[in-house]
Amino acid sequence: MPLNDLVQNPIDDKAIVALTQLADELAKTLVSNRIINHLTPPERQQYGSINEQNKLLVNKVYDYHVANPAYSSPDVNWDLFDRNLTARNGLAAIESKLRQILEICGDTRILYDYSLYHNALLDYDYTKYKASNATGAGYTTKYQGIKQLFPATHKADTSTETTTDTLNKG
């Protein structure tokens, strides 16, 4: 049984509420600072994202501007350029941290899913066994209810194979 229970100390409800509140607060902060500009798919395609080579260009031009402002184009609003670059770098750092958080949440959820699914299969096999006995009256109803969730097979239901064996083959 322990092999199915991969997460021995699940996150508690209090922590889930606190993390959800933090995520809500982050979203509110982004919206209140007018950071979120909802691009449509065509706009996303039109504006795109600059690749690494072009990021190097932006940074090099900025470095030259800082070192020798006299050689910078007067057509560029350098104050806005500086603020945009700072904001862009800050958002990139936030995105990186959020990706880490998403990976942590996703990996942990996968472990929960695995444990829950395999424990549900164990319970289904137990229910199937109990339903096959004359004393398993309530188990028959439970078995029939859960059985609907499995794809129909061409074998008779009296197979000696367990549910987990059947599912692990497919």
C-alpha atoms as a PDB file:
ATOM      1  CA  MET A   1       0.000   0.000   0.000  1.00  0.00           C
ATOM      2  CA  PRO A   2       2.757   2.596   0.693  1.00  0.00           C
ATOM      3  CA  LEU A   3       3.831   2.487  -2.965  1.00  0.00           C
ATOM      4  CA  ASN A   4       0.494   4.019  -3.892  1.00  0.00           C
ATOM      5  CA  ASP A   5       0.732   6.764  -1.289  1.00  0.00           C
ATOM      6  CA  LEU A   6       3.567   8.800  -2.768  1.00  0.00           C
ATOM      7  CA  VAL A   7       2.734  11.928  -0.752  1.00  0.00           C
ATOM      8  CA  GLN A   8       2.804  10.998   2.925  1.00  0.00           C
ATOM      9  CA  ASN A   9       2.237  14.523   4.278  1.00  0.00           C
ATOM     10  CA  PRO A  10      -0.294  16.225   2.010  1.00  0.00           C
ATOM     11  CA  ILE A  11      -0.593  19.986   1.974  1.00  0.00           C
ATOM     12  CA  ASP A  12      -3.329  21.062   4.372  1.00  0.00           C
ATOM     13  CA  ASP A  13      -6.399  23.192   3.671  1.00  0.00           C
ATOM     14  CA  LYS A  14      -4.939  26.167   5.537  1.00  0.00           C
ATOM     15  CA  ALA A  15      -1.873  26.228   3.269  1.00  0.00           C
ATOM     16  CA  ILE A  16      -4.047  25.871   0.147  1.00  0.00           C
ATOM     17  CA  VAL A  17      -6.128  28.871   1.249  1.00  0.00           C
ATOM     18  CA  ALA A  18      -2.994  30.930   2.000  1.00  0.00           C
ATOM     19  CA  LEU A  19      -1.391  30.064  -1.355  1.00  0.00           C
ATOM     20  CA  THR A  20      -4.613  30.833  -3.217  1.00  0.00           C
ATOM     21  CA  GLN A  21      -4.798  34.219  -1.481  1.00  0.00           C
ATOM     22  CA  LEU A  22      -1.189  34.947  -2.482  1.00  0.00           C
ATOM     23  CA  ALA A  23      -1.952  34.052  -6.103  1.00  0.00           C
ATOM     24  CA  ASP A  24      -5.055  36.286  -6.020  1.00  0.00           C
ATOM     25  CA  GLU A  25      -3.003  39.128  -4.537  1.00  0.00           C
ATOM     26  CA  LEU A  26      -0.368  38.738  -7.254  1.00  0.00           C
ATOM     27  CA  ALA A  27      -3.044  38.852  -9.960  1.00  0.00           C
ATOM     28  CA  LYS A  28      -4.615  41.975  -8.378  1.00  0.00           C
ATOM     29  CA  THR A  29      -1.214  43.670  -8.188  1.00  0.00           C
ATOM     30  CA  LEU A  30      -0.531  42.943 -11.838  1.00  0.00           C
ATOM     31  CA  VAL A  31      -3.929  44.312 -12.881  1.00  0.00           C
ATOM     32  CA  SER A  32      -3.726  47.394 -10.655  1.00  0.00           C
ATOM     33  CA  ASN A  33      -0.333  48.271 -12.138  1.00  0.00           C
ATOM     34  CA  ARG A  34      -1.719  47.971 -15.661  1.00  0.00           C
ATOM     35  CA  ILE A  35       0.765  45.207 -16.349  1.00  0.00           C
ATOM     36  CA  ILE A  36      -1.737  42.898 -17.958  1.00  0.00           C
ATOM     37  CA  ASN A  37      -2.417  43.707 -21.565  1.00  0.00           C
ATOM     38  CA  HIS A  38      -4.603  40.974 -22.941  1.00  0.00           C
ATOM     39  CA  LEU A  39      -3.330  40.373 -26.445  1.00  0.00           C
ATOM     40  CA  THR A  40      -5.521  38.584 -28.917  1.00  0.00           C
ATOM     41  CA  PRO A  41      -3.943  35.603 -30.696  1.00  0.00           C
ATOM     42  CA  PRO A  42      -3.395  37.698 -33.873  1.00  0.00           C
ATOM     43  CA  GLU A  43      -1.784  40.466 -31.790  1.00  0.00           C
ATOM     44  CA  ARG A  44       0.400  37.915 -30.032  1.00  0.00           C
ATOM     45  CA  GLN A  45       1.473  36.700 -33.483  1.00  0.00           C
ATOM     46  CA  GLN A  46       2.026  40.264 -34.731  1.00  0.00           C
ATOM     47  CA  TYR A  47       4.116  41.484 -31.807  1.00  0.00           C
ATOM     48  CA  GLY A  48       5.716  38.184 -30.919  1.00  0.00           C
ATOM     49  CA  SER A  49       8.612  37.980 -28.530  1.00  0.00           C
ATOM     50  CA  ILE A  50      12.174  38.887 -29.350  1.00  0.00           C
ATOM     51  CA  ASN A  51      14.625  36.013 -29.554  1.00  0.00           C
ATOM     52  CA  GLU A  52      17.879  35.785 -27.633  1.00  0.00           C
ATOM     53  CA  GLN A  53      19.909  37.412 -30.422  1.00  0.00           C
ATOM     54  CA  ASN A  54      17.581  40.412 -30.479  1.00  0.00           C
ATOM     55  CA  LYS A  55      17.683  40.652 -26.673  1.00  0.00           C
ATOM     56  CA  LEU A  56      21.453  40.963 -27.017  1.00  0.00           C
ATOM     57  CA  LEU A  57      20.898  43.789 -29.521  1.00  0.00           C
ATOM     58  CA  VAL A  58      18.562  45.636 -27.134  1.00  0.00           C
ATOM     59  CA  ASN A  59      21.004  45.249 -24.242  1.00  0.00           C
ATOM     60  CA  LYS A  60      24.026  46.292 -26.338  1.00  0.00           C
ATOM     61  CA  VAL A  61      22.259  49.417 -27.642  1.00  0.00           C
ATOM     62  CA  TYR A  62      21.243  50.283 -24.088  1.00  0.00           C
ATOM     63  CA  ASP A  63      24.802  49.743 -22.820  1.00  0.00           C
ATOM     64  CA  TYR A  64      26.128  52.091 -25.531  1.00  0.00           C
ATOM     65  CA  HIS A  65      23.467  54.650 -24.611  1.00  0.00           C
ATOM     66  CA  VAL A  66      24.476  54.538 -20.940  1.00  0.00           C
ATOM     67  CA  ALA A  67      28.209  54.706 -21.726  1.00  0.00           C
ATOM     68  CA  ASN A  68      27.979  57.360 -24.476  1.00  0.00           C
ATOM     69  CA  PRO A  69      24.608  59.123 -24.541  1.00  0.00           C
ATOM     70  CA  ALA A  70      25.907  61.615 -27.124  1.00  0.00           C
ATOM     71  CA  TYR A  71      25.937  58.805 -29.703  1.00  0.00           C
ATOM     72  CA  SER A  72      22.313  57.806 -29.046  1.00  0.00           C
ATOM     73  CA  SER A  73      19.467  58.549 -31.435  1.00  0.00           C
ATOM     74  CA  PRO A  74      17.458  61.628 -30.460  1.00  0.00           C
ATOM     75  CA  ASP A  75      14.372  59.886 -31.900  1.00  0.00           C
ATOM     76  CA  VAL A  76      14.316  57.355 -29.045  1.00  0.00           C
ATOM     77  CA  ASN A  77      12.688  58.307 -25.746  1.00  0.00           C
ATOM     78  CA  TRP A  78      15.578  56.997 -23.631  1.00  0.00           C
ATOM     79  CA  ASP A  79      13.841  57.577 -20.316  1.00  0.00           C
ATOM     80  CA  LEU A  80      10.941  55.390 -21.462  1.00  0.00           C
ATOM     81  CA  PHE A  81      13.401  52.900 -23.003  1.00  0.00           C
ATOM     82  CA  ASP A  82      15.136  52.575 -19.622  1.00  0.00           C
ATOM     83  CA  ARG A  83      11.857  52.129 -17.721  1.00  0.00           C
ATOM     84  CA  ASN A  84      10.582  49.601 -20.297  1.00  0.00           C
ATOM     85  CA  LEU A  85      13.819  47.613 -20.099  1.00  0.00           C
ATOM     86  CA  THR A  86      13.677  47.565 -16.297  1.00  0.00           C
ATOM     87  CA  ALA A  87      10.021  46.475 -16.361  1.00  0.00           C
ATOM     88  CA  ARG A  88      10.719  43.840 -19.023  1.00  0.00           C
ATOM     89  CA  ASN A  89      13.585  42.356 -17.011  1.00  0.00           C
ATOM     90  CA  GLY A  90      11.493  42.412 -13.836  1.00  0.00           C
ATOM     91  CA  LEU A  91       8.605  40.621 -15.552  1.00  0.00           C
ATOM     92  CA  ALA A  92      11.004  38.048 -17.013  1.00  0.00           C
ATOM     93  CA  ALA A  93      12.255  37.302 -13.489  1.00  0.00           C
ATOM     94  CA  ILE A  94       8.664  36.992 -12.229  1.00  0.00           C
ATOM     95  CA  GLU A  95       7.801  34.669 -15.135  1.00  0.00           C
ATOM     96  CA  SER A  96      10.776  32.486 -14.268  1.00  0.00           C
ATOM     97  CA  LYS A  97       9.686  32.214 -10.639  1.00  0.00           C
ATOM     98  CA  LEU A  98       6.096  31.494 -11.689  1.00  0.00           C
ATOM     99  CA  ARG A  99       7.314  28.711 -14.007  1.00  0.00           C
ATOM    100  CA  GLN A 100       9.125  27.193 -11.022  1.00  0.00           C
ATOM    101  CA  ILE A 101       5.954  27.456  -8.953  1.00  0.00           C
ATOM    102  CA  LEU A 102       3.889  25.898 -11.757  1.00  0.00           C
ATOM    103  CA  GLU A 103       6.351  23.027 -12.031  1.00  0.00           C
ATOM    104  CA  ILE A 104       6.277  22.426  -8.268  1.00  0.00           C
ATOM    105  CA  CYS A 105       2.462  22.501  -8.223  1.00  0.00           C
ATOM    106  CA  GLY A 106       2.187  20.343 -11.341  1.00  0.00           C
ATOM    107  CA  ASP A 107       4.658  17.723 -10.136  1.00  0.00           C
ATOM    108  CA  THR A 108       3.014  17.528  -6.725  1.00  0.00           C
ATOM    109  CA  ARG A 109      -0.448  17.277  -8.279  1.00  0.00           C
ATOM    110  CA  ILE A 110       0.804  14.436 -10.512  1.00  0.00           C
ATOM    111  CA  LEU A 111       1.925  12.538  -7.404  1.00  0.00           C
ATOM    112  CA  TYR A 112      -1.465  13.145  -5.774  1.00  0.00           C
ATOM    113  CA  ASP A 113      -3.234  12.001  -8.964  1.00  0.00           C
ATOM    114  CA  TYR A 114      -1.133   8.840  -9.119  1.00  0.00           C
ATOM    115  CA  SER A 115      -1.778   7.989  -5.469  1.00  0.00           C
ATOM    116  CA  LEU A 116      -5.489   8.719  -5.658  1.00  0.00           C
ATOM    117  CA  TYR A 117      -5.994   6.774  -8.879  1.00  0.00           C
ATOM    118  CA  HIS A 118      -4.113   3.688  -7.731  1.00  0.00           C
ATOM    119  CA  ASN A 119      -5.839   3.690  -4.349  1.00  0.00           C
ATOM    120  CA  ALA A 120      -9.181   3.999  -6.162  1.00  0.00           C
ATOM    121  CA  LEU A 121      -8.211   0.944  -8.241  1.00  0.00           C
ATOM    122  CA  LEU A 122      -7.374  -0.956  -5.055  1.00  0.00           C
ATOM    123  CA  ASP A 123     -10.758  -0.063  -3.633  1.00  0.00           C
ATOM    124  CA  TYR A 124     -12.459  -1.073  -6.886  1.00  0.00           C
ATOM    125  CA  ASP A 125     -10.728  -4.469  -6.842  1.00  0.00           C
ATOM    126  CA  TYR A 126     -11.764  -4.937  -3.211  1.00  0.00           C
ATOM    127  CA  THR A 127     -15.336  -3.938  -4.056  1.00  0.00           C
ATOM    128  CA  LYS A 128     -15.353  -6.337  -7.011  1.00  0.00           C
ATOM    129  CA  TYR A 129     -14.163  -9.147  -4.735  1.00  0.00           C
ATOM    130  CA  LYS A 130     -16.748  -8.372  -2.047  1.00  0.00           C
ATOM    131  CA  ALA A 131     -19.538  -8.056  -4.636  1.00  0.00           C
ATOM    132  CA  SER A 132     -18.753 -11.560  -5.882  1.00  0.00           C
ATOM    133  CA  ASN A 133     -19.535 -12.984  -2.424  1.00  0.00           C
ATOM    134  CA  ALA A 134     -23.064 -13.618  -1.289  1.00  0.00           C
ATOM    135  CA  THR A 135     -22.458 -11.339   1.704  1.00  0.00           C
ATOM    136  CA  GLY A 136     -21.527  -8.383  -0.468  1.00  0.00           C
ATOM    137  CA  ALA A 137     -25.025  -6.955  -1.024  1.00  0.00           C
ATOM    138  CA  GLY A 138     -24.052  -3.251  -0.716  1.00  0.00           C
ATOM    139  CA  TYR A 139     -20.854  -3.880  -2.617  1.00  0.00           C
ATOM    140  CA  THR A 140     -22.787  -4.993  -5.707  1.00  0.00           C
ATOM    141  CA  THR A 141     -24.383  -1.557  -6.084  1.00  0.00           C
ATOM    142  CA  LYS A 142     -21.031   0.153  -5.553  1.00  0.00           C
ATOM    143  CA  TYR A 143     -19.348  -2.204  -8.026  1.00  0.00           C
ATOM    144  CA  GLN A 144     -21.999  -1.574 -10.693  1.00  0.00           C
ATOM    145  CA  GLY A 145     -21.658   2.188 -10.215  1.00  0.00           C
ATOM    146  CA  ILE A 146     -17.884   2.201 -10.520  1.00  0.00           C
ATOM    147  CA  LYS A 147     -17.761  -0.420 -13.278  1.00  0.00           C
ATOM    148  CA  GLN A 148     -19.389   2.063 -15.679  1.00  0.00           C
ATOM    149  CA  LEU A 149     -16.228   4.175 -15.580  1.00  0.00           C
ATOM    150  CA  PHE A 150     -14.098   1.463 -17.176  1.00  0.00           C
ATOM    151  CA  PRO A 151     -14.052   0.914 -20.926  1.00  0.00           C
ATOM    152  CA  ALA A 152     -16.063  -2.082 -22.036  1.00  0.00           C
ATOM    153  CA  THR A 153     -13.972  -5.131 -22.802  1.00  0.00           C
ATOM    154  CA  HIS A 154     -14.898  -8.137 -24.878  1.00  0.00           C
ATOM    155  CA  LYS A 155     -14.061 -10.514 -22.030  1.00  0.00           C
ATOM    156  CA  ALA A 156     -16.641 -11.827 -19.651  1.00  0.00           C
ATOM    157  CA  ASP A 157     -16.718  -9.995 -16.330  1.00  0.00           C
ATOM    158  CA  THR A 158     -15.794 -13.211 -14.512  1.00  0.00           C
ATOM    159  CA  SER A 159     -12.154 -12.862 -15.556  1.00  0.00           C
ATOM    160  CA  THR A 160      -9.596 -13.699 -12.869  1.00  0.00           C
ATOM    161  CA  GLU A 161      -7.464 -10.743 -13.932  1.00  0.00           C
ATOM    162  CA  THR A 162      -7.597  -7.854 -11.531  1.00  0.00           C
ATOM    163  CA  THR A 163      -8.589  -4.402 -12.675  1.00  0.00           C
ATOM    164  CA  THR A 164      -5.096  -3.046 -12.125  1.00  0.00           C
ATOM    165  CA  ASP A 165      -3.595  -5.822 -14.255  1.00  0.00           C
ATOM    166  CA  THR A 166      -6.031  -5.075 -17.070  1.00  0.00           C
ATOM    167  CA  LEU A 167      -5.396  -1.323 -16.938  1.00  0.00           C
ATOM    168  CA  ASN A 168      -1.628  -1.676 -16.737  1.00  0.00           C
ATOM    169  CA  LYS A 169      -1.640  -3.695 -19.977  1.00  0.00           C
ATOM    170  CA  GLY A 170      -3.529  -1.017 -21.924  1.00  0.00           C
END
